[in-house]
Amino acid sequence: MIREVTQSGDMKVSASTSHSQFTIHQLAARWNVHPLTIRRRIKAGEIRCLRYSRQLVRIELAEVERYESEARV
């Protein structure tokens, strides 16, 4: 989601098709795997993530692209 403030001061919220960060569920949907698979790969150190809290986890686009490029080899 992208939040923008218009010139009139109103808040505009729109969905973004290009993500700079993914949730575990978004990444699981992108790769067509179960979210637990993503969690296991994070725990194993295969995927780096940003932990804002115990439950708030994000994976950056650059990390997703890195992992995808290595998986294709």
PDB file of N, CA and C in Angstrom:
ATOM      1  N   MET A   1       0.830  -1.183   0.000  1.00  0.00           N
ATOM      2  CA  MET A   1       0.000   0.000   0.000  1.00  0.00           C
ATOM      3  C   MET A   1       0.870   1.240   0.000  1.00  0.00           C
ATOM      4  N   ILE A   2       0.413   2.201  -0.729  1.00  0.00           N
ATOM      5  CA  ILE A   2       1.107   3.484  -0.770  1.00  0.00           C
ATOM      6  C   ILE A   2       0.177   4.533  -0.186  1.00  0.00           C
ATOM      7  N   ARG A   3       0.696   5.302   0.746  1.00  0.00           N
ATOM      8  CA  ARG A   3      -0.082   6.386   1.340  1.00  0.00           C
ATOM      9  C   ARG A   3       0.483   7.700   0.842  1.00  0.00           C
ATOM     10  N   GLU A   4      -0.383   8.505   0.274  1.00  0.00           N
ATOM     11  CA  GLU A   4       0.042   9.804  -0.241  1.00  0.00           C
ATOM     12  C   GLU A   4      -0.849  10.888   0.354  1.00  0.00           C
ATOM     13  N   VAL A   5      -0.291  12.056   0.528  1.00  0.00           N
ATOM     14  CA  VAL A   5      -1.064  13.206   0.963  1.00  0.00           C
ATOM     15  C   VAL A   5      -1.231  14.112  -0.248  1.00  0.00           C
ATOM     16  N   THR A   6      -2.485  14.396  -0.615  1.00  0.00           N
ATOM     17  CA  THR A   6      -2.755  15.238  -1.772  1.00  0.00           C
ATOM     18  C   THR A   6      -2.534  16.704  -1.414  1.00  0.00           C
ATOM     19  N   GLN A   7      -2.579  17.564  -2.412  1.00  0.00           N
ATOM     20  CA  GLN A   7      -2.366  18.993  -2.180  1.00  0.00           C
ATOM     21  C   GLN A   7      -3.421  19.578  -1.263  1.00  0.00           C
ATOM     22  N   SER A   8      -4.622  19.009  -1.284  1.00  0.00           N
ATOM     23  CA  SER A   8      -5.683  19.519  -0.411  1.00  0.00           C
ATOM     24  C   SER A   8      -5.537  19.005   1.019  1.00  0.00           C
ATOM     25  N   GLY A   9      -4.545  18.116   1.259  1.00  0.00           N
ATOM     26  CA  GLY A   9      -4.302  17.609   2.598  1.00  0.00           C
ATOM     27  C   GLY A   9      -4.985  16.294   2.902  1.00  0.00           C
ATOM     28  N   ASP A  10      -5.726  15.768   1.921  1.00  0.00           N
ATOM     29  CA  ASP A  10      -6.404  14.494   2.116  1.00  0.00           C
ATOM     30  C   ASP A  10      -5.411  13.341   1.988  1.00  0.00           C
ATOM     31  N   MET A  11      -5.678  12.264   2.707  1.00  0.00           N
ATOM     32  CA  MET A  11      -4.840  11.073   2.640  1.00  0.00           C
ATOM     33  C   MET A  11      -5.389  10.158   1.557  1.00  0.00           C
ATOM     34  N   LYS A  12      -4.522   9.736   0.656  1.00  0.00           N
ATOM     35  CA  LYS A  12      -4.914   8.848  -0.426  1.00  0.00           C
ATOM     36  C   LYS A  12      -4.142   7.540  -0.252  1.00  0.00           C
ATOM     37  N   VAL A  13      -4.853   6.429  -0.221  1.00  0.00           N
ATOM     38  CA  VAL A  13      -4.226   5.124  -0.059  1.00  0.00           C
ATOM     39  C   VAL A  13      -4.499   4.314  -1.320  1.00  0.00           C
ATOM     40  N   SER A  14      -3.430   3.742  -1.903  1.00  0.00           N
ATOM     41  CA  SER A  14      -3.604   2.929  -3.093  1.00  0.00           C
ATOM     42  C   SER A  14      -2.732   1.693  -3.001  1.00  0.00           C
ATOM     43  N   ALA A  15      -3.161   0.652  -3.676  1.00  0.00           N
ATOM     44  CA  ALA A  15      -2.366  -0.580  -3.704  1.00  0.00           C
ATOM     45  C   ALA A  15      -1.252  -0.412  -4.717  1.00  0.00           C
ATOM     46  N   SER A  16      -0.101  -0.949  -4.383  1.00  0.00           N
ATOM     47  CA  SER A  16       1.055  -0.866  -5.261  1.00  0.00           C
ATOM     48  C   SER A  16       1.297  -2.213  -5.913  1.00  0.00           C
ATOM     49  N   THR A  17       1.598  -2.215  -7.216  1.00  0.00           N
ATOM     50  CA  THR A  17       1.913  -3.466  -7.893  1.00  0.00           C
ATOM     51  C   THR A  17       3.390  -3.783  -7.772  1.00  0.00           C
ATOM     52  N   SER A  18       4.205  -2.788  -7.516  1.00  0.00           N
ATOM     53  CA  SER A  18       5.630  -3.047  -7.318  1.00  0.00           C
ATOM     54  C   SER A  18       5.954  -2.846  -5.841  1.00  0.00           C
ATOM     55  N   HIS A  19       6.451  -3.901  -5.217  1.00  0.00           N
ATOM     56  CA  HIS A  19       6.736  -3.874  -3.795  1.00  0.00           C
ATOM     57  C   HIS A  19       8.221  -3.628  -3.567  1.00  0.00           C
ATOM     58  N   SER A  20       8.538  -2.849  -2.554  1.00  0.00           N
ATOM     59  CA  SER A  20       9.930  -2.711  -2.152  1.00  0.00           C
ATOM     60  C   SER A  20      10.205  -3.634  -0.968  1.00  0.00           C
ATOM     61  N   GLN A  21       9.145  -4.039  -0.283  1.00  0.00           N
ATOM     62  CA  GLN A  21       9.244  -5.006   0.814  1.00  0.00           C
ATOM     63  C   GLN A  21       8.046  -5.947   0.739  1.00  0.00           C
ATOM     64  N   PHE A  22       8.267  -7.189   1.130  1.00  0.00           N
ATOM     65  CA  PHE A  22       7.219  -8.196   1.110  1.00  0.00           C
ATOM     66  C   PHE A  22       6.970  -8.714   2.516  1.00  0.00           C
ATOM     67  N   THR A  23       5.717  -9.036   2.797  1.00  0.00           N
ATOM     68  CA  THR A  23       5.416  -9.785   4.010  1.00  0.00           C
ATOM     69  C   THR A  23       5.690 -11.255   3.703  1.00  0.00           C
ATOM     70  N   ILE A  24       5.691 -12.073   4.727  1.00  0.00           N
ATOM     71  CA  ILE A  24       5.902 -13.506   4.516  1.00  0.00           C
ATOM     72  C   ILE A  24       4.791 -14.067   3.639  1.00  0.00           C
ATOM     73  N   HIS A  25       3.561 -13.645   3.853  1.00  0.00           N
ATOM     74  CA  HIS A  25       2.432 -14.151   3.067  1.00  0.00           C
ATOM     75  C   HIS A  25       2.501 -13.681   1.614  1.00  0.00           C
ATOM     76  N   GLN A  26       2.912 -12.441   1.390  1.00  0.00           N
ATOM     77  CA  GLN A  26       3.053 -11.952   0.014  1.00  0.00           C
ATOM     78  C   GLN A  26       4.129 -12.727  -0.735  1.00  0.00           C
ATOM     79  N   LEU A  27       5.248 -12.981  -0.073  1.00  0.00           N
ATOM     80  CA  LEU A  27       6.332 -13.719  -0.703  1.00  0.00           C
ATOM     81  C   LEU A  27       5.926 -15.167  -0.961  1.00  0.00           C
ATOM     82  N   ALA A  28       5.214 -15.764  -0.032  1.00  0.00           N
ATOM     83  CA  ALA A  28       4.729 -17.130  -0.224  1.00  0.00           C
ATOM     84  C   ALA A  28       3.796 -17.205  -1.430  1.00  0.00           C
ATOM     85  N   ALA A  29       2.941 -16.209  -1.596  1.00  0.00           N
ATOM     86  CA  ALA A  29       2.043 -16.179  -2.746  1.00  0.00           C
ATOM     87  C   ALA A  29       2.833 -16.002  -4.044  1.00  0.00           C
ATOM     88  N   ARG A  30       3.853 -15.170  -4.020  1.00  0.00           N
ATOM     89  CA  ARG A  30       4.686 -14.933  -5.208  1.00  0.00           C
ATOM     90  C   ARG A  30       5.377 -16.220  -5.648  1.00  0.00           C
ATOM     91  N   TRP A  31       5.861 -16.996  -4.671  1.00  0.00           N
ATOM     92  CA  TRP A  31       6.597 -18.223  -4.975  1.00  0.00           C
ATOM     93  C   TRP A  31       5.700 -19.464  -4.980  1.00  0.00           C
ATOM     94  N   ASN A  32       4.423 -19.284  -4.685  1.00  0.00           N
ATOM     95  CA  ASN A  32       3.457 -20.381  -4.653  1.00  0.00           C
ATOM     96  C   ASN A  32       3.899 -21.485  -3.678  1.00  0.00           C
ATOM     97  N   VAL A  33       4.271 -21.069  -2.475  1.00  0.00           N
ATOM     98  CA  VAL A  33       4.652 -21.989  -1.406  1.00  0.00           C
ATOM     99  C   VAL A  33       3.880 -21.619  -0.150  1.00  0.00           C
ATOM    100  N   HIS A  34       3.946 -22.467   0.854  1.00  0.00           N
ATOM    101  CA  HIS A  34       3.287 -22.194   2.132  1.00  0.00           C
ATOM    102  C   HIS A  34       4.122 -21.163   2.909  1.00  0.00           C
ATOM    103  N   PRO A  35       3.486 -20.256   3.657  1.00  0.00           N
ATOM    104  CA  PRO A  35       4.237 -19.280   4.455  1.00  0.00           C
ATOM    105  C   PRO A  35       5.250 -19.920   5.408  1.00  0.00           C
ATOM    106  N   LEU A  36       4.957 -21.119   5.885  1.00  0.00           N
ATOM    107  CA  LEU A  36       5.892 -21.811   6.771  1.00  0.00           C
ATOM    108  C   LEU A  36       7.219 -22.106   6.062  1.00  0.00           C
ATOM    109  N   THR A  37       7.165 -22.343   4.755  1.00  0.00           N
ATOM    110  CA  THR A  37       8.386 -22.557   3.972  1.00  0.00           C
ATOM    111  C   THR A  37       9.264 -21.317   4.017  1.00  0.00           C
ATOM    112  N   ILE A  38       8.663 -20.148   3.895  1.00  0.00           N
ATOM    113  CA  ILE A  38       9.411 -18.889   3.953  1.00  0.00           C
ATOM    114  C   ILE A  38      10.012 -18.724   5.344  1.00  0.00           C
ATOM    115  N   ARG A  39       9.214 -18.981   6.378  1.00  0.00           N
ATOM    116  CA  ARG A  39       9.708 -18.864   7.756  1.00  0.00           C
ATOM    117  C   ARG A  39      10.892 -19.798   8.006  1.00  0.00           C
ATOM    118  N   ARG A  40      10.822 -21.017   7.490  1.00  0.00           N
ATOM    119  CA  ARG A  40      11.917 -21.971   7.667  1.00  0.00           C
ATOM    120  C   ARG A  40      13.189 -21.492   6.977  1.00  0.00           C
ATOM    121  N   ARG A  41      13.044 -20.931   5.793  1.00  0.00           N
ATOM    122  CA  ARG A  41      14.217 -20.440   5.060  1.00  0.00           C
ATOM    123  C   ARG A  41      14.828 -19.221   5.741  1.00  0.00           C
ATOM    124  N   ILE A  42      14.000 -18.405   6.361  1.00  0.00           N
ATOM    125  CA  ILE A  42      14.512 -17.270   7.146  1.00  0.00           C
ATOM    126  C   ILE A  42      15.279 -17.811   8.356  1.00  0.00           C
ATOM    127  N   LYS A  43      14.682 -18.772   9.051  1.00  0.00           N
ATOM    128  CA  LYS A  43      15.316 -19.338  10.247  1.00  0.00           C
ATOM    129  C   LYS A  43      16.640 -20.015   9.902  1.00  0.00           C
ATOM    130  N   ALA A  44      16.712 -20.643   8.722  1.00  0.00           N
ATOM    131  CA  ALA A  44      17.934 -21.326   8.292  1.00  0.00           C
ATOM    132  C   ALA A  44      18.994 -20.344   7.790  1.00  0.00           C
ATOM    133  N   GLY A  45      18.623 -19.077   7.650  1.00  0.00           N
ATOM    134  CA  GLY A  45      19.574 -18.076   7.189  1.00  0.00           C
ATOM    135  C   GLY A  45      19.677 -17.985   5.679  1.00  0.00           C
ATOM    136  N   GLU A  46      18.796 -18.674   4.962  1.00  0.00           N
ATOM    137  CA  GLU A  46      18.812 -18.643   3.500  1.00  0.00           C
ATOM    138  C   GLU A  46      18.236 -17.342   2.956  1.00  0.00           C
ATOM    139  N   ILE A  47      17.308 -16.770   3.694  1.00  0.00           N
ATOM    140  CA  ILE A  47      16.673 -15.504   3.305  1.00  0.00           C
ATOM    141  C   ILE A  47      16.880 -14.510   4.438  1.00  0.00           C
ATOM    142  N   ARG A  48      17.437 -13.353   4.113  1.00  0.00           N
ATOM    143  CA  ARG A  48      17.611 -12.291   5.115  1.00  0.00           C
ATOM    144  C   ARG A  48      16.316 -11.482   5.188  1.00  0.00           C
ATOM    145  N   CYS A  49      15.991 -11.039   6.386  1.00  0.00           N
ATOM    146  CA  CYS A  49      14.759 -10.274   6.571  1.00  0.00           C
ATOM    147  C   CYS A  49      15.001  -9.109   7.519  1.00  0.00           C
ATOM    148  N   LEU A  50      14.046  -8.225   7.547  1.00  0.00           N
ATOM    149  CA  LEU A  50      14.037  -7.109   8.494  1.00  0.00           C
ATOM    150  C   LEU A  50      13.002  -7.445   9.556  1.00  0.00           C
ATOM    151  N   ARG A  51      13.421  -7.470  10.796  1.00  0.00           N
ATOM    152  CA  ARG A  51      12.502  -7.740  11.904  1.00  0.00           C
ATOM    153  C   ARG A  51      12.267  -6.442  12.666  1.00  0.00           C
ATOM    154  N   TYR A  52      11.057  -5.929  12.547  1.00  0.00           N
ATOM    155  CA  TYR A  52      10.693  -4.723  13.269  1.00  0.00           C
ATOM    156  C   TYR A  52      10.191  -5.067  14.662  1.00  0.00           C
ATOM    157  N   SER A  53       9.658  -6.272  14.804  1.00  0.00           N
ATOM    158  CA  SER A  53       9.246  -6.831  16.091  1.00  0.00           C
ATOM    159  C   SER A  53       9.169  -8.340  15.904  1.00  0.00           C
ATOM    160  N   ARG A  54       8.734  -9.039  16.915  1.00  0.00           N
ATOM    161  CA  ARG A  54       8.665 -10.501  16.814  1.00  0.00           C
ATOM    162  C   ARG A  54       7.738 -10.940  15.686  1.00  0.00           C
ATOM    163  N   GLN A  55       6.657 -10.212  15.495  1.00  0.00           N
ATOM    164  CA  GLN A  55       5.662 -10.586  14.490  1.00  0.00           C
ATOM    165  C   GLN A  55       5.773  -9.802  13.192  1.00  0.00           C
ATOM    166  N   LEU A  56       6.396  -8.653  13.218  1.00  0.00           N
ATOM    167  CA  LEU A  56       6.462  -7.802  12.038  1.00  0.00           C
ATOM    168  C   LEU A  56       7.765  -8.056  11.291  1.00  0.00           C
ATOM    169  N   VAL A  57       7.669  -8.842  10.218  1.00  0.00           N
ATOM    170  CA  VAL A  57       8.825  -9.265   9.448  1.00  0.00           C
ATOM    171  C   VAL A  57       8.620  -8.827   8.002  1.00  0.00           C
ATOM    172  N   ARG A  58       9.657  -8.266   7.396  1.00  0.00           N
ATOM    173  CA  ARG A  58       9.604  -7.862   5.995  1.00  0.00           C
ATOM    174  C   ARG A  58      10.852  -8.355   5.278  1.00  0.00           C
ATOM    175  N   ILE A  59      10.681  -8.707   4.003  1.00  0.00           N
ATOM    176  CA  ILE A  59      11.787  -9.136   3.165  1.00  0.00           C
ATOM    177  C   ILE A  59      11.900  -8.115   2.039  1.00  0.00           C
ATOM    178  N   GLU A  60      13.095  -7.551   1.868  1.00  0.00           N
ATOM    179  CA  GLU A  60      13.283  -6.511   0.858  1.00  0.00           C
ATOM    180  C   GLU A  60      13.327  -7.108  -0.548  1.00  0.00           C
ATOM    181  N   LEU A  61      12.921  -6.313  -1.518  1.00  0.00           N
ATOM    182  CA  LEU A  61      12.890  -6.734  -2.913  1.00  0.00           C
ATOM    183  C   LEU A  61      14.259  -7.209  -3.385  1.00  0.00           C
ATOM    184  N   ALA A  62      15.319  -6.526  -3.002  1.00  0.00           N
ATOM    185  CA  ALA A  62      16.670  -6.916  -3.416  1.00  0.00           C
ATOM    186  C   ALA A  62      17.006  -8.317  -2.911  1.00  0.00           C
ATOM    187  N   GLU A  63      16.571  -8.648  -1.712  1.00  0.00           N
ATOM    188  CA  GLU A  63      16.814  -9.980  -1.147  1.00  0.00           C
ATOM    189  C   GLU A  63      16.007 -11.035  -1.899  1.00  0.00           C
ATOM    190  N   VAL A  64      14.783 -10.711  -2.250  1.00  0.00           N
ATOM    191  CA  VAL A  64      13.941 -11.631  -3.014  1.00  0.00           C
ATOM    192  C   VAL A  64      14.585 -11.909  -4.366  1.00  0.00           C
ATOM    193  N   GLU A  65      15.039 -10.855  -5.046  1.00  0.00           N
ATOM    194  CA  GLU A  65      15.679 -11.018  -6.350  1.00  0.00           C
ATOM    195  C   GLU A  65      16.983 -11.805  -6.240  1.00  0.00           C
ATOM    196  N   ARG A  66      17.755 -11.576  -5.169  1.00  0.00           N
ATOM    197  CA  ARG A  66      18.996 -12.320  -4.961  1.00  0.00           C
ATOM    198  C   ARG A  66      18.701 -13.808  -4.812  1.00  0.00           C
ATOM    199  N   TYR A  67      17.733 -14.125  -3.981  1.00  0.00           N
ATOM    200  CA  TYR A  67      17.387 -15.521  -3.736  1.00  0.00           C
ATOM    201  C   TYR A  67      16.865 -16.179  -5.010  1.00  0.00           C
ATOM    202  N   GLU A  68      16.014 -15.466  -5.755  1.00  0.00           N
ATOM    203  CA  GLU A  68      15.482 -16.015  -6.998  1.00  0.00           C
ATOM    204  C   GLU A  68      16.572 -16.281  -8.025  1.00  0.00           C
ATOM    205  N   SER A  69      17.546 -15.370  -8.117  1.00  0.00           N
ATOM    206  CA  SER A  69      18.616 -15.555  -9.092  1.00  0.00           C
ATOM    207  C   SER A  69      19.518 -16.735  -8.711  1.00  0.00           C
ATOM    208  N   GLU A  70      19.749 -16.943  -7.419  1.00  0.00           N
ATOM    209  CA  GLU A  70      20.551 -18.071  -6.968  1.00  0.00           C
ATOM    210  C   GLU A  70      19.798 -19.387  -7.158  1.00  0.00           C
ATOM    211  N   ALA A  71      18.493 -19.360  -7.026  1.00  0.00           N
ATOM    212  CA  ALA A  71      17.694 -20.573  -7.157  1.00  0.00           C
ATOM    213  C   ALA A  71      17.622 -21.043  -8.612  1.00  0.00           C
ATOM    214  N   ARG A  72      17.822 -20.145  -9.538  1.00  0.00           N
ATOM    215  CA  ARG A  72      17.740 -20.486 -10.962  1.00  0.00           C
ATOM    216  C   ARG A  72      19.011 -21.125 -11.492  1.00  0.00           C
ATOM    217  N   VAL A  73      20.087 -21.066 -10.718  1.00  0.00           N
ATOM    218  CA  VAL A  73      21.378 -21.593 -11.180  1.00  0.00           C
ATOM    219  C   VAL A  73      21.383 -23.087 -11.212  1.00  0.00           C
TER     220      VAL A  73
END
